[in-house]
Amino acid sequence: MDIVLGTAKGITYLHEGLEPKVVHRDIKSSNILLDKRWNSKVSDFGLAKLLGSDSNYVTTRVMGTFGYVAPEYASTGMLNERSDVYSFGVLIMEIISGRCPVDYARPPTEVNLVEWLKKMVSNRDYEAVLDPKLPEKPTSKALKKALLVALRCVDPDSQKRPKMGHAIHMLEDRRTLRPCQGSPLEKSRKPVTESGHSSCYDGNSSTAATTPSRFQ
């Protein structure tokens, strides 16, 4: 989880700590670098775009890496920070599962990582999504929390995705995170993290690195 959190904090700085904000446009595993202490660094800003506070989006030629690109950006060319949030959600799924976002060598129902993981979570097959090569397995609570955040980040409706600062809040929150209506985790009717207070994150508020074995 350390690498996921470190990456989230880096993206949050781009979105919420700068003016104009920076939309990276190519968040993916190969662009997350690790130092000797496993601290993650977001790299490669060759495709980045600036977005001023007076703009909700910028229209630009669609670029990025297949499998990580947000669907609304791919179809309309309208880009904002929610596109990076989608890519971050795919990155979490990749870290958890050890699978590529798109893998045509797999059976047809497993080619698309996002759709496959949604199905697995709906069926409560949480442990089955884990990378079998992981030397250290995350706890069930940590796994479900990471899955919840990932699924919120890849919501088809970009307005329902959390801001990156709020994604950090969800990842660090020790309360029970209750999935919002319609999500695969909501359908499974299972608590997501540690018991306590229940909270449903609607993605409209905010607070203000890749070895998958570093879950806590």
N, C-alpha and C. Protein backbone atom coordinates (compact mmCIF):
# COMPACT_ATOMS: atom_id res chain seq x y z
N MET A 1 0.82 -1.21 0.00
CA MET A 1 0.00 0.00 0.00
C MET A 1 0.85 1.26 0.00
N ASP A 2 2.09 1.15 0.49
CA ASP A 2 2.97 2.31 0.53
C ASP A 2 3.18 2.91 -0.86
N ILE A 3 3.38 2.05 -1.84
CA ILE A 3 3.64 2.52 -3.20
C ILE A 3 2.39 3.16 -3.78
N VAL A 4 1.24 2.56 -3.53
CA VAL A 4 -0.02 3.12 -4.00
C VAL A 4 -0.23 4.51 -3.40
N LEU A 5 -0.01 4.63 -2.09
CA LEU A 5 -0.19 5.91 -1.42
C LEU A 5 0.81 6.95 -1.92
N GLY A 6 2.06 6.53 -2.08
CA GLY A 6 3.08 7.46 -2.57
C GLY A 6 2.74 7.99 -3.94
N THR A 7 2.27 7.10 -4.80
CA THR A 7 1.87 7.52 -6.15
C THR A 7 0.68 8.46 -6.08
N ALA A 8 -0.29 8.14 -5.23
CA ALA A 8 -1.47 9.00 -5.08
C ALA A 8 -1.07 10.39 -4.62
N LYS A 9 -0.12 10.47 -3.70
CA LYS A 9 0.30 11.78 -3.20
C LYS A 9 1.02 12.58 -4.27
N GLY A 10 1.79 11.89 -5.11
CA GLY A 10 2.46 12.58 -6.21
C GLY A 10 1.47 13.17 -7.19
N ILE A 11 0.45 12.38 -7.55
CA ILE A 11 -0.57 12.86 -8.49
C ILE A 11 -1.40 13.98 -7.86
N THR A 12 -1.67 13.84 -6.56
CA THR A 12 -2.43 14.88 -5.86
C THR A 12 -1.70 16.22 -5.92
N TYR A 13 -0.39 16.19 -5.77
CA TYR A 13 0.38 17.44 -5.86
C TYR A 13 0.22 18.08 -7.23
N LEU A 14 0.24 17.27 -8.27
CA LEU A 14 0.07 17.80 -9.63
C LEU A 14 -1.30 18.44 -9.81
N HIS A 15 -2.32 17.83 -9.21
CA HIS A 15 -3.70 18.29 -9.40
C HIS A 15 -4.09 19.41 -8.45
N GLU A 16 -3.61 19.35 -7.21
CA GLU A 16 -4.11 20.25 -6.18
C GLU A 16 -3.06 21.17 -5.58
N GLY A 17 -1.79 20.91 -5.87
CA GLY A 17 -0.73 21.72 -5.27
C GLY A 17 -0.10 22.71 -6.22
N LEU A 18 -0.53 22.73 -7.46
CA LEU A 18 0.04 23.61 -8.47
C LEU A 18 -1.05 24.43 -9.14
N GLU A 19 -0.68 25.59 -9.63
CA GLU A 19 -1.59 26.43 -10.42
C GLU A 19 -0.80 27.03 -11.58
N PRO A 20 -1.14 26.70 -12.82
CA PRO A 20 -2.25 25.80 -13.18
C PRO A 20 -1.94 24.36 -12.80
N LYS A 21 -2.99 23.57 -12.62
CA LYS A 21 -2.82 22.16 -12.29
C LYS A 21 -2.25 21.42 -13.49
N VAL A 22 -1.60 20.31 -13.21
CA VAL A 22 -0.97 19.49 -14.25
C VAL A 22 -1.74 18.18 -14.40
N VAL A 23 -2.21 17.90 -15.59
CA VAL A 23 -2.81 16.60 -15.89
C VAL A 23 -1.73 15.77 -16.57
N HIS A 24 -1.32 14.69 -15.94
CA HIS A 24 -0.19 13.90 -16.42
C HIS A 24 -0.47 13.26 -17.76
N ARG A 25 -1.61 12.65 -17.89
CA ARG A 25 -2.11 12.05 -19.14
C ARG A 25 -1.49 10.71 -19.49
N ASP A 26 -0.56 10.20 -18.69
CA ASP A 26 0.02 8.89 -19.00
C ASP A 26 0.44 8.17 -17.72
N ILE A 27 -0.46 8.15 -16.73
CA ILE A 27 -0.19 7.41 -15.50
C ILE A 27 -0.25 5.92 -15.81
N LYS A 28 0.85 5.22 -15.56
CA LYS A 28 0.94 3.77 -15.77
C LYS A 28 2.10 3.24 -14.97
N SER A 29 2.20 1.93 -14.85
CA SER A 29 3.21 1.33 -13.98
C SER A 29 4.63 1.68 -14.39
N SER A 30 4.91 1.73 -15.68
CA SER A 30 6.28 2.01 -16.12
C SER A 30 6.68 3.46 -15.90
N ASN A 31 5.73 4.32 -15.56
CA ASN A 31 6.04 5.72 -15.26
C ASN A 31 6.09 6.01 -13.77
N ILE A 32 6.05 4.95 -12.96
CA ILE A 32 6.20 5.10 -11.51
C ILE A 32 7.56 4.52 -11.13
N LEU A 33 8.46 5.39 -10.70
CA LEU A 33 9.82 4.98 -10.34
C LEU A 33 9.94 4.83 -8.83
N LEU A 34 10.82 3.92 -8.41
CA LEU A 34 11.04 3.66 -6.99
C LEU A 34 12.48 3.94 -6.62
N ASP A 35 12.69 4.58 -5.46
CA ASP A 35 14.06 4.77 -4.99
C ASP A 35 14.45 3.61 -4.09
N LYS A 36 15.61 3.69 -3.46
CA LYS A 36 16.11 2.58 -2.65
C LYS A 36 15.25 2.31 -1.43
N ARG A 37 14.47 3.28 -1.03
CA ARG A 37 13.59 3.12 0.13
C ARG A 37 12.15 2.83 -0.29
N TRP A 38 11.95 2.48 -1.53
CA TRP A 38 10.64 2.15 -2.08
C TRP A 38 9.70 3.34 -2.14
N ASN A 39 10.25 4.54 -2.09
CA ASN A 39 9.42 5.72 -2.29
C ASN A 39 9.11 5.87 -3.77
N SER A 40 7.87 6.12 -4.09
CA SER A 40 7.47 6.19 -5.49
C SER A 40 7.56 7.62 -6.03
N LYS A 41 7.91 7.72 -7.29
CA LYS A 41 8.03 9.01 -7.97
C LYS A 41 7.29 8.92 -9.31
N VAL A 42 6.44 9.88 -9.56
CA VAL A 42 5.74 9.95 -10.84
C VAL A 42 6.69 10.57 -11.86
N SER A 43 6.88 9.89 -12.99
CA SER A 43 7.85 10.35 -13.99
C SER A 43 7.21 10.50 -15.36
N ASP A 44 7.99 11.01 -16.30
CA ASP A 44 7.63 11.14 -17.72
C ASP A 44 6.44 12.08 -17.92
N PHE A 45 6.76 13.36 -18.05
CA PHE A 45 5.72 14.37 -18.23
C PHE A 45 5.62 14.83 -19.69
N GLY A 46 6.05 13.98 -20.59
CA GLY A 46 6.05 14.35 -22.00
C GLY A 46 4.68 14.60 -22.59
N LEU A 47 3.65 14.00 -22.01
CA LEU A 47 2.28 14.18 -22.52
C LEU A 47 1.44 15.09 -21.64
N ALA A 48 2.04 15.64 -20.59
CA ALA A 48 1.28 16.42 -19.61
C ALA A 48 0.66 17.67 -20.22
N LYS A 49 -0.49 18.05 -19.66
CA LYS A 49 -1.20 19.26 -20.08
C LYS A 49 -1.50 20.12 -18.85
N LEU A 50 -1.49 21.44 -19.04
CA LEU A 50 -1.83 22.37 -17.97
C LEU A 50 -3.32 22.70 -18.04
N LEU A 51 -3.92 22.82 -16.85
CA LEU A 51 -5.35 23.12 -16.77
C LEU A 51 -5.55 24.23 -15.75
N GLY A 52 -5.94 25.41 -16.19
CA GLY A 52 -6.12 26.54 -15.30
C GLY A 52 -7.36 26.40 -14.43
N SER A 53 -7.40 27.20 -13.36
CA SER A 53 -8.52 27.13 -12.42
C SER A 53 -9.83 27.57 -13.06
N ASP A 54 -9.75 28.30 -14.16
CA ASP A 54 -10.96 28.77 -14.83
C ASP A 54 -11.45 27.81 -15.91
N SER A 55 -10.81 26.64 -16.00
CA SER A 55 -11.17 25.66 -17.04
C SER A 55 -11.58 24.34 -16.40
N ASN A 56 -12.67 23.77 -16.88
CA ASN A 56 -13.10 22.46 -16.41
C ASN A 56 -12.44 21.33 -17.18
N TYR A 57 -12.01 21.62 -18.38
CA TYR A 57 -11.36 20.62 -19.21
C TYR A 57 -10.63 21.31 -20.35
N VAL A 58 -9.79 20.55 -21.03
CA VAL A 58 -9.13 21.03 -22.23
C VAL A 58 -9.37 19.98 -23.31
N THR A 59 -9.65 20.42 -24.51
CA THR A 59 -9.85 19.50 -25.62
C THR A 59 -8.53 19.30 -26.35
N THR A 60 -8.11 18.07 -26.49
CA THR A 60 -6.81 17.79 -27.07
C THR A 60 -6.83 16.45 -27.79
N ARG A 61 -5.83 16.24 -28.62
CA ARG A 61 -5.73 14.95 -29.31
C ARG A 61 -5.54 13.84 -28.28
N VAL A 62 -6.25 12.74 -28.46
CA VAL A 62 -6.19 11.64 -27.50
C VAL A 62 -4.82 10.97 -27.56
N MET A 63 -4.15 10.96 -26.41
CA MET A 63 -2.86 10.30 -26.28
C MET A 63 -2.81 9.62 -24.93
N GLY A 64 -1.86 8.74 -24.75
CA GLY A 64 -1.75 7.97 -23.53
C GLY A 64 -1.46 6.53 -23.87
N THR A 65 -1.65 5.65 -22.92
CA THR A 65 -1.36 4.23 -23.12
C THR A 65 -2.65 3.43 -23.10
N PHE A 66 -2.85 2.63 -24.12
CA PHE A 66 -4.06 1.81 -24.25
C PHE A 66 -4.28 0.98 -22.99
N GLY A 67 -5.50 1.01 -22.48
CA GLY A 67 -5.83 0.29 -21.26
C GLY A 67 -5.87 1.18 -20.04
N TYR A 68 -5.16 2.30 -20.08
CA TYR A 68 -5.14 3.24 -18.97
C TYR A 68 -5.97 4.49 -19.25
N VAL A 69 -6.32 4.71 -20.51
CA VAL A 69 -6.98 5.95 -20.91
C VAL A 69 -8.45 5.94 -20.48
N ALA A 70 -8.89 7.02 -19.86
CA ALA A 70 -10.28 7.13 -19.42
C ALA A 70 -11.23 7.10 -20.62
N PRO A 71 -12.37 6.42 -20.51
CA PRO A 71 -13.26 6.26 -21.66
C PRO A 71 -13.80 7.56 -22.22
N GLU A 72 -14.11 8.53 -21.35
CA GLU A 72 -14.67 9.80 -21.85
C GLU A 72 -13.61 10.61 -22.61
N TYR A 73 -12.36 10.49 -22.19
CA TYR A 73 -11.28 11.16 -22.91
C TYR A 73 -11.04 10.49 -24.25
N ALA A 74 -11.07 9.17 -24.26
CA ALA A 74 -10.85 8.42 -25.51
C ALA A 74 -11.93 8.72 -26.54
N SER A 75 -13.16 8.96 -26.09
CA SER A 75 -14.27 9.14 -27.03
C SER A 75 -14.50 10.59 -27.43
N THR A 76 -14.08 11.55 -26.58
CA THR A 76 -14.38 12.96 -26.87
C THR A 76 -13.16 13.85 -26.98
N GLY A 77 -12.02 13.40 -26.45
CA GLY A 77 -10.83 14.25 -26.43
C GLY A 77 -10.87 15.31 -25.34
N MET A 78 -11.89 15.26 -24.48
CA MET A 78 -12.02 16.23 -23.38
C MET A 78 -11.25 15.70 -22.17
N LEU A 79 -10.23 16.44 -21.76
CA LEU A 79 -9.29 16.00 -20.75
C LEU A 79 -9.36 16.87 -19.50
N ASN A 80 -9.38 16.24 -18.34
CA ASN A 80 -9.17 16.95 -17.08
C ASN A 80 -8.54 15.98 -16.09
N GLU A 81 -8.42 16.41 -14.82
CA GLU A 81 -7.72 15.58 -13.84
C GLU A 81 -8.42 14.26 -13.56
N ARG A 82 -9.71 14.16 -13.86
CA ARG A 82 -10.42 12.90 -13.63
C ARG A 82 -9.90 11.79 -14.56
N SER A 83 -9.27 12.19 -15.65
CA SER A 83 -8.67 11.20 -16.54
C SER A 83 -7.49 10.52 -15.86
N ASP A 84 -6.69 11.29 -15.13
CA ASP A 84 -5.58 10.72 -14.35
C ASP A 84 -6.10 9.81 -13.24
N VAL A 85 -7.23 10.18 -12.65
CA VAL A 85 -7.82 9.36 -11.58
C VAL A 85 -8.18 7.98 -12.12
N TYR A 86 -8.76 7.95 -13.31
CA TYR A 86 -9.09 6.66 -13.94
C TYR A 86 -7.82 5.83 -14.12
N SER A 87 -6.78 6.43 -14.65
CA SER A 87 -5.53 5.70 -14.88
C SER A 87 -4.95 5.19 -13.57
N PHE A 88 -5.09 5.98 -12.50
CA PHE A 88 -4.61 5.55 -11.19
C PHE A 88 -5.38 4.33 -10.71
N GLY A 89 -6.68 4.29 -10.95
CA GLY A 89 -7.48 3.12 -10.58
C GLY A 89 -7.01 1.87 -11.30
N VAL A 90 -6.71 2.00 -12.58
CA VAL A 90 -6.19 0.87 -13.35
C VAL A 90 -4.85 0.43 -12.78
N LEU A 91 -4.02 1.39 -12.40
CA LEU A 91 -2.72 1.07 -11.82
C LEU A 91 -2.86 0.26 -10.54
N ILE A 92 -3.79 0.63 -9.67
CA ILE A 92 -4.03 -0.15 -8.45
C ILE A 92 -4.40 -1.59 -8.81
N MET A 93 -5.29 -1.75 -9.78
CA MET A 93 -5.71 -3.09 -10.19
C MET A 93 -4.52 -3.89 -10.72
N GLU A 94 -3.65 -3.23 -11.45
CA GLU A 94 -2.48 -3.91 -11.99
C GLU A 94 -1.55 -4.37 -10.88
N ILE A 95 -1.35 -3.53 -9.87
CA ILE A 95 -0.49 -3.89 -8.75
C ILE A 95 -1.07 -5.07 -7.98
N ILE A 96 -2.38 -5.05 -7.75
CA ILE A 96 -3.02 -6.12 -7.00
C ILE A 96 -2.99 -7.45 -7.75
N SER A 97 -3.30 -7.41 -9.02
CA SER A 97 -3.49 -8.64 -9.79
C SER A 97 -2.25 -9.14 -10.52
N GLY A 98 -1.30 -8.25 -10.78
CA GLY A 98 -0.14 -8.63 -11.58
C GLY A 98 -0.46 -8.78 -13.05
N ARG A 99 -1.64 -8.30 -13.45
CA ARG A 99 -2.09 -8.44 -14.85
C ARG A 99 -1.94 -7.12 -15.59
N CYS A 100 -1.76 -7.23 -16.90
CA CYS A 100 -1.74 -6.05 -17.76
C CYS A 100 -3.17 -5.52 -17.93
N PRO A 101 -3.34 -4.22 -18.15
CA PRO A 101 -4.68 -3.67 -18.33
C PRO A 101 -5.45 -4.30 -19.48
N VAL A 102 -4.74 -4.68 -20.53
CA VAL A 102 -5.33 -5.38 -21.66
C VAL A 102 -4.39 -6.51 -22.05
N ASP A 103 -4.89 -7.74 -22.04
CA ASP A 103 -4.04 -8.90 -22.33
C ASP A 103 -4.81 -9.87 -23.22
N TYR A 104 -4.51 -9.83 -24.51
CA TYR A 104 -5.23 -10.67 -25.47
C TYR A 104 -4.83 -12.14 -25.40
N ALA A 105 -3.83 -12.46 -24.60
CA ALA A 105 -3.44 -13.85 -24.42
C ALA A 105 -4.37 -14.58 -23.45
N ARG A 106 -5.19 -13.82 -22.74
CA ARG A 106 -6.11 -14.41 -21.77
C ARG A 106 -7.45 -14.75 -22.42
N PRO A 107 -8.27 -15.54 -21.73
CA PRO A 107 -9.61 -15.84 -22.26
C PRO A 107 -10.39 -14.55 -22.52
N PRO A 108 -11.35 -14.58 -23.43
CA PRO A 108 -12.09 -13.36 -23.80
C PRO A 108 -12.68 -12.59 -22.62
N THR A 109 -13.15 -13.30 -21.61
CA THR A 109 -13.76 -12.62 -20.46
C THR A 109 -12.73 -12.00 -19.53
N GLU A 110 -11.45 -12.25 -19.79
CA GLU A 110 -10.40 -11.74 -18.91
C GLU A 110 -9.44 -10.79 -19.62
N VAL A 111 -9.74 -10.46 -20.87
CA VAL A 111 -8.84 -9.59 -21.64
C VAL A 111 -8.73 -8.21 -21.01
N ASN A 112 -9.88 -7.62 -20.66
CA ASN A 112 -9.91 -6.28 -20.08
C ASN A 112 -9.84 -6.38 -18.56
N LEU A 113 -8.78 -5.85 -17.97
CA LEU A 113 -8.56 -5.98 -16.54
C LEU A 113 -9.68 -5.34 -15.73
N VAL A 114 -10.11 -4.16 -16.11
CA VAL A 114 -11.14 -3.45 -15.35
C VAL A 114 -12.44 -4.25 -15.31
N GLU A 115 -12.89 -4.74 -16.46
CA GLU A 115 -14.15 -5.48 -16.51
C GLU A 115 -14.04 -6.81 -15.79
N TRP A 116 -12.89 -7.47 -15.93
CA TRP A 116 -12.70 -8.75 -15.24
C TRP A 116 -12.72 -8.56 -13.74
N LEU A 117 -12.03 -7.53 -13.25
CA LEU A 117 -11.97 -7.32 -11.81
C LEU A 117 -13.34 -6.93 -11.25
N LYS A 118 -14.10 -6.14 -11.99
CA LYS A 118 -15.46 -5.81 -11.55
C LYS A 118 -16.29 -7.07 -11.37
N LYS A 119 -16.17 -7.99 -12.32
CA LYS A 119 -16.93 -9.24 -12.25
C LYS A 119 -16.50 -10.07 -11.05
N MET A 120 -15.20 -10.17 -10.84
CA MET A 120 -14.69 -10.97 -9.73
C MET A 120 -15.15 -10.40 -8.39
N VAL A 121 -15.13 -9.09 -8.25
CA VAL A 121 -15.56 -8.47 -7.01
C VAL A 121 -17.06 -8.66 -6.80
N SER A 122 -17.84 -8.55 -7.87
CA SER A 122 -19.28 -8.78 -7.77
C SER A 122 -19.58 -10.19 -7.28
N ASN A 123 -18.71 -11.13 -7.64
CA ASN A 123 -18.88 -12.53 -7.22
C ASN A 123 -18.19 -12.83 -5.90
N ARG A 124 -17.65 -11.79 -5.26
CA ARG A 124 -16.95 -11.91 -3.97
C ARG A 124 -15.68 -12.74 -4.06
N ASP A 125 -15.12 -12.86 -5.23
CA ASP A 125 -13.87 -13.61 -5.40
C ASP A 125 -12.67 -12.69 -5.18
N TYR A 126 -12.61 -12.08 -4.01
CA TYR A 126 -11.57 -11.10 -3.74
C TYR A 126 -10.17 -11.71 -3.82
N GLU A 127 -9.99 -12.83 -3.14
CA GLU A 127 -8.65 -13.42 -3.09
C GLU A 127 -8.20 -13.90 -4.46
N ALA A 128 -9.15 -14.24 -5.33
CA ALA A 128 -8.79 -14.77 -6.65
C ALA A 128 -8.19 -13.71 -7.56
N VAL A 129 -8.33 -12.43 -7.21
CA VAL A 129 -7.75 -11.39 -8.07
C VAL A 129 -6.29 -11.12 -7.73
N LEU A 130 -5.80 -11.67 -6.63
CA LEU A 130 -4.43 -11.41 -6.21
C LEU A 130 -3.41 -12.07 -7.13
N ASP A 131 -2.32 -11.38 -7.34
CA ASP A 131 -1.20 -11.92 -8.11
C ASP A 131 -0.65 -13.14 -7.37
N PRO A 132 -0.66 -14.34 -7.98
CA PRO A 132 -0.17 -15.54 -7.29
C PRO A 132 1.32 -15.49 -6.97
N LYS A 133 2.05 -14.57 -7.60
CA LYS A 133 3.49 -14.47 -7.36
C LYS A 133 3.83 -13.57 -6.17
N LEU A 134 2.82 -13.01 -5.54
CA LEU A 134 3.08 -12.14 -4.40
C LEU A 134 3.74 -12.92 -3.26
N PRO A 135 4.92 -12.50 -2.81
CA PRO A 135 5.56 -13.19 -1.69
C PRO A 135 4.89 -12.88 -0.36
N GLU A 136 4.18 -11.77 -0.31
CA GLU A 136 3.53 -11.34 0.92
C GLU A 136 2.11 -10.90 0.59
N LYS A 137 1.13 -11.62 1.11
CA LYS A 137 -0.26 -11.34 0.79
C LYS A 137 -0.81 -10.22 1.68
N PRO A 138 -1.60 -9.32 1.13
CA PRO A 138 -2.24 -8.30 1.96
C PRO A 138 -3.34 -8.92 2.81
N THR A 139 -3.69 -8.26 3.89
CA THR A 139 -4.82 -8.72 4.68
C THR A 139 -6.10 -8.56 3.87
N SER A 140 -7.12 -9.28 4.27
CA SER A 140 -8.39 -9.19 3.56
C SER A 140 -8.93 -7.77 3.60
N LYS A 141 -8.78 -7.10 4.75
CA LYS A 141 -9.29 -5.73 4.88
C LYS A 141 -8.53 -4.76 3.98
N ALA A 142 -7.20 -4.92 3.93
CA ALA A 142 -6.39 -4.04 3.08
C ALA A 142 -6.72 -4.27 1.61
N LEU A 143 -6.93 -5.53 1.26
CA LEU A 143 -7.26 -5.86 -0.13
C LEU A 143 -8.59 -5.23 -0.54
N LYS A 144 -9.61 -5.40 0.30
CA LYS A 144 -10.93 -4.87 -0.03
C LYS A 144 -10.92 -3.34 -0.09
N LYS A 145 -10.16 -2.72 0.79
CA LYS A 145 -10.06 -1.27 0.74
C LYS A 145 -9.44 -0.81 -0.57
N ALA A 146 -8.34 -1.45 -0.97
CA ALA A 146 -7.68 -1.08 -2.23
C ALA A 146 -8.60 -1.32 -3.42
N LEU A 147 -9.36 -2.42 -3.38
CA LEU A 147 -10.29 -2.70 -4.47
C LEU A 147 -11.39 -1.65 -4.55
N LEU A 148 -11.89 -1.23 -3.39
CA LEU A 148 -12.93 -0.20 -3.38
C LEU A 148 -12.43 1.08 -4.02
N VAL A 149 -11.24 1.51 -3.61
CA VAL A 149 -10.69 2.75 -4.15
C VAL A 149 -10.46 2.62 -5.65
N ALA A 150 -9.92 1.48 -6.07
CA ALA A 150 -9.68 1.27 -7.50
C ALA A 150 -10.97 1.34 -8.30
N LEU A 151 -12.01 0.69 -7.80
CA LEU A 151 -13.29 0.68 -8.52
C LEU A 151 -13.94 2.06 -8.55
N ARG A 152 -13.78 2.83 -7.49
CA ARG A 152 -14.30 4.19 -7.50
C ARG A 152 -13.56 5.04 -8.53
N CYS A 153 -12.26 4.82 -8.64
CA CYS A 153 -11.45 5.61 -9.57
C CYS A 153 -11.78 5.32 -11.03
N VAL A 154 -12.22 4.11 -11.33
CA VAL A 154 -12.52 3.76 -12.73
C VAL A 154 -14.02 3.83 -13.03
N ASP A 155 -14.77 4.54 -12.22
CA ASP A 155 -16.20 4.70 -12.48
C ASP A 155 -16.39 5.26 -13.89
N PRO A 156 -17.28 4.68 -14.69
CA PRO A 156 -17.52 5.18 -16.05
C PRO A 156 -17.95 6.64 -16.08
N ASP A 157 -18.63 7.09 -15.02
CA ASP A 157 -19.04 8.48 -14.91
C ASP A 157 -17.91 9.25 -14.24
N SER A 158 -17.22 10.08 -14.98
CA SER A 158 -16.04 10.76 -14.45
C SER A 158 -16.37 11.63 -13.24
N GLN A 159 -17.59 12.16 -13.16
CA GLN A 159 -17.96 13.02 -12.04
C GLN A 159 -18.11 12.24 -10.74
N LYS A 160 -18.23 10.94 -10.83
CA LYS A 160 -18.35 10.11 -9.63
C LYS A 160 -17.00 9.62 -9.12
N ARG A 161 -15.97 9.86 -9.89
CA ARG A 161 -14.63 9.47 -9.43
C ARG A 161 -14.17 10.42 -8.32
N PRO A 162 -13.45 9.92 -7.34
CA PRO A 162 -12.94 10.81 -6.30
C PRO A 162 -11.80 11.67 -6.82
N LYS A 163 -11.62 12.83 -6.23
CA LYS A 163 -10.40 13.58 -6.48
C LYS A 163 -9.25 12.82 -5.85
N MET A 164 -8.03 13.07 -6.32
CA MET A 164 -6.90 12.29 -5.82
C MET A 164 -6.68 12.50 -4.32
N GLY A 165 -6.89 13.71 -3.84
CA GLY A 165 -6.76 13.95 -2.41
C GLY A 165 -7.74 13.12 -1.61
N HIS A 166 -8.92 12.93 -2.17
CA HIS A 166 -9.93 12.12 -1.48
C HIS A 166 -9.60 10.64 -1.58
N ALA A 167 -8.97 10.23 -2.68
CA ALA A 167 -8.53 8.84 -2.79
C ALA A 167 -7.51 8.52 -1.70
N ILE A 168 -6.62 9.47 -1.41
CA ILE A 168 -5.67 9.29 -0.32
C ILE A 168 -6.42 9.13 1.00
N HIS A 169 -7.40 9.99 1.21
CA HIS A 169 -8.19 9.92 2.44
C HIS A 169 -8.85 8.56 2.59
N MET A 170 -9.39 8.02 1.53
CA MET A 170 -10.02 6.70 1.58
C MET A 170 -9.00 5.61 1.89
N LEU A 171 -7.83 5.70 1.27
CA LEU A 171 -6.81 4.68 1.49
C LEU A 171 -6.28 4.69 2.92
N GLU A 172 -6.23 5.87 3.52
CA GLU A 172 -5.67 6.00 4.87
C GLU A 172 -6.71 5.87 5.96
N ASP A 173 -7.98 6.01 5.62
CA ASP A 173 -9.06 5.99 6.61
C ASP A 173 -9.18 4.60 7.23
N ARG A 174 -9.27 4.55 8.55
CA ARG A 174 -9.39 3.27 9.25
C ARG A 174 -10.85 2.89 9.51
N ARG A 175 -11.77 3.74 9.11
CA ARG A 175 -13.18 3.39 9.29
C ARG A 175 -13.62 2.42 8.21
N THR A 176 -14.80 1.85 8.40
CA THR A 176 -15.39 1.02 7.36
C THR A 176 -15.80 1.89 6.18
N LEU A 177 -15.37 1.53 5.00
CA LEU A 177 -15.76 2.27 3.80
C LEU A 177 -16.91 1.53 3.13
N ARG A 178 -18.06 2.15 3.11
CA ARG A 178 -19.23 1.51 2.51
C ARG A 178 -19.31 1.89 1.05
N PRO A 179 -19.26 0.92 0.14
CA PRO A 179 -19.36 1.24 -1.29
C PRO A 179 -20.67 1.94 -1.60
N CYS A 180 -20.63 2.87 -2.55
CA CYS A 180 -21.84 3.59 -2.94
C CYS A 180 -22.72 2.72 -3.84
N GLN A 181 -23.95 3.10 -3.94
CA GLN A 181 -24.95 2.32 -4.67
C GLN A 181 -24.53 2.08 -6.11
N GLY A 182 -24.67 0.81 -6.52
CA GLY A 182 -24.39 0.46 -7.91
C GLY A 182 -23.01 -0.10 -8.15
N SER A 183 -22.10 0.03 -7.17
CA SER A 183 -20.75 -0.47 -7.39
C SER A 183 -20.71 -1.98 -7.18
N PRO A 184 -19.72 -2.68 -7.78
CA PRO A 184 -19.62 -4.13 -7.60
C PRO A 184 -19.47 -4.51 -6.13
N LEU A 185 -18.74 -3.71 -5.36
CA LEU A 185 -18.56 -4.04 -3.95
C LEU A 185 -19.86 -3.85 -3.17
N GLU A 186 -20.68 -2.89 -3.57
CA GLU A 186 -21.96 -2.70 -2.91
C GLU A 186 -22.85 -3.91 -3.12
N LYS A 187 -22.78 -4.49 -4.31
CA LYS A 187 -23.60 -5.66 -4.61
C LYS A 187 -23.18 -6.87 -3.79
N SER A 188 -21.90 -6.91 -3.40
CA SER A 188 -21.42 -8.06 -2.64
C SER A 188 -21.84 -8.00 -1.18
N ARG A 189 -22.28 -6.79 -0.73
CA ARG A 189 -22.80 -6.61 0.63
C ARG A 189 -21.82 -7.08 1.70
N LYS A 190 -20.56 -6.71 1.53
CA LYS A 190 -19.55 -7.05 2.52
C LYS A 190 -18.87 -5.78 3.01
N PRO A 191 -18.48 -5.72 4.32
CA PRO A 191 -17.70 -4.59 4.78
C PRO A 191 -16.38 -4.55 4.03
N VAL A 192 -15.84 -3.35 3.86
CA VAL A 192 -14.66 -3.24 3.03
C VAL A 192 -13.38 -3.12 3.84
N THR A 193 -13.43 -2.43 4.99
CA THR A 193 -12.21 -2.33 5.77
C THR A 193 -12.53 -2.61 7.22
N GLU A 194 -11.86 -1.92 8.11
CA GLU A 194 -12.01 -2.23 9.51
C GLU A 194 -13.37 -1.76 10.02
N SER A 195 -13.90 -2.54 10.94
CA SER A 195 -15.22 -2.21 11.46
C SER A 195 -15.15 -0.92 12.27
N GLY A 196 -16.28 -0.27 12.38
CA GLY A 196 -16.34 1.02 13.06
C GLY A 196 -17.47 1.81 12.46
N HIS A 197 -17.19 3.03 12.06
CA HIS A 197 -18.21 3.86 11.43
C HIS A 197 -18.29 3.56 9.95
N SER A 198 -19.49 3.63 9.42
CA SER A 198 -19.68 3.41 7.99
C SER A 198 -19.67 4.74 7.26
N SER A 199 -19.06 4.75 6.10
CA SER A 199 -18.97 5.99 5.33
C SER A 199 -19.07 5.69 3.86
N CYS A 200 -19.88 6.47 3.15
CA CYS A 200 -20.02 6.31 1.71
C CYS A 200 -19.41 7.51 1.02
N TYR A 201 -18.40 7.27 0.22
CA TYR A 201 -17.70 8.36 -0.44
C TYR A 201 -18.30 8.59 -1.81
N ASP A 202 -18.78 9.81 -2.05
CA ASP A 202 -19.43 10.10 -3.32
C ASP A 202 -18.49 10.72 -4.34
N GLY A 203 -17.22 10.96 -3.96
CA GLY A 203 -16.24 11.46 -4.90
C GLY A 203 -16.38 12.94 -5.20
N ASN A 204 -17.25 13.64 -4.51
CA ASN A 204 -17.45 15.06 -4.79
C ASN A 204 -16.74 15.96 -3.79
N SER A 205 -16.09 15.37 -2.79
CA SER A 205 -15.34 16.16 -1.83
C SER A 205 -13.92 15.66 -1.78
N SER A 206 -13.03 16.47 -1.22
CA SER A 206 -11.63 16.06 -1.17
C SER A 206 -10.98 16.57 0.10
N THR A 207 -9.89 15.95 0.48
CA THR A 207 -9.05 16.42 1.55
C THR A 207 -7.70 16.70 0.95
N ALA A 208 -7.50 17.98 1.73
CA ALA A 208 -6.19 18.20 1.41
C ALA A 208 -5.48 18.78 2.59
N ALA A 209 4.24 4.57 -5.56
CA ALA A 209 4.97 4.39 -6.12
C ALA A 209 5.07 3.14 -6.61
N THR A 210 7.28 -0.51 -8.56
CA THR A 210 5.91 -0.79 -8.15
C THR A 210 6.02 -2.21 -7.63
N THR A 211 6.24 -2.46 -6.28
CA THR A 211 6.18 -3.83 -5.85
C THR A 211 4.87 -4.05 -5.14
N PRO A 212 4.08 -4.99 -5.61
CA PRO A 212 2.77 -5.19 -5.02
C PRO A 212 2.82 -5.82 -3.66
N SER A 213 3.99 -6.25 -3.18
CA SER A 213 4.06 -6.92 -1.89
C SER A 213 4.00 -5.94 -0.73
N ARG A 214 4.05 -4.63 -0.99
CA ARG A 214 4.11 -3.67 0.10
C ARG A 214 2.73 -3.21 0.55
N PHE A 215 1.81 -4.17 0.66
CA PHE A 215 0.52 -3.89 1.28
C PHE A 215 0.70 -3.97 2.79
N GLN A 216 -0.15 -3.27 3.50
CA GLN A 216 -0.11 -3.35 4.96
C GLN A 216 -1.49 -3.69 5.48
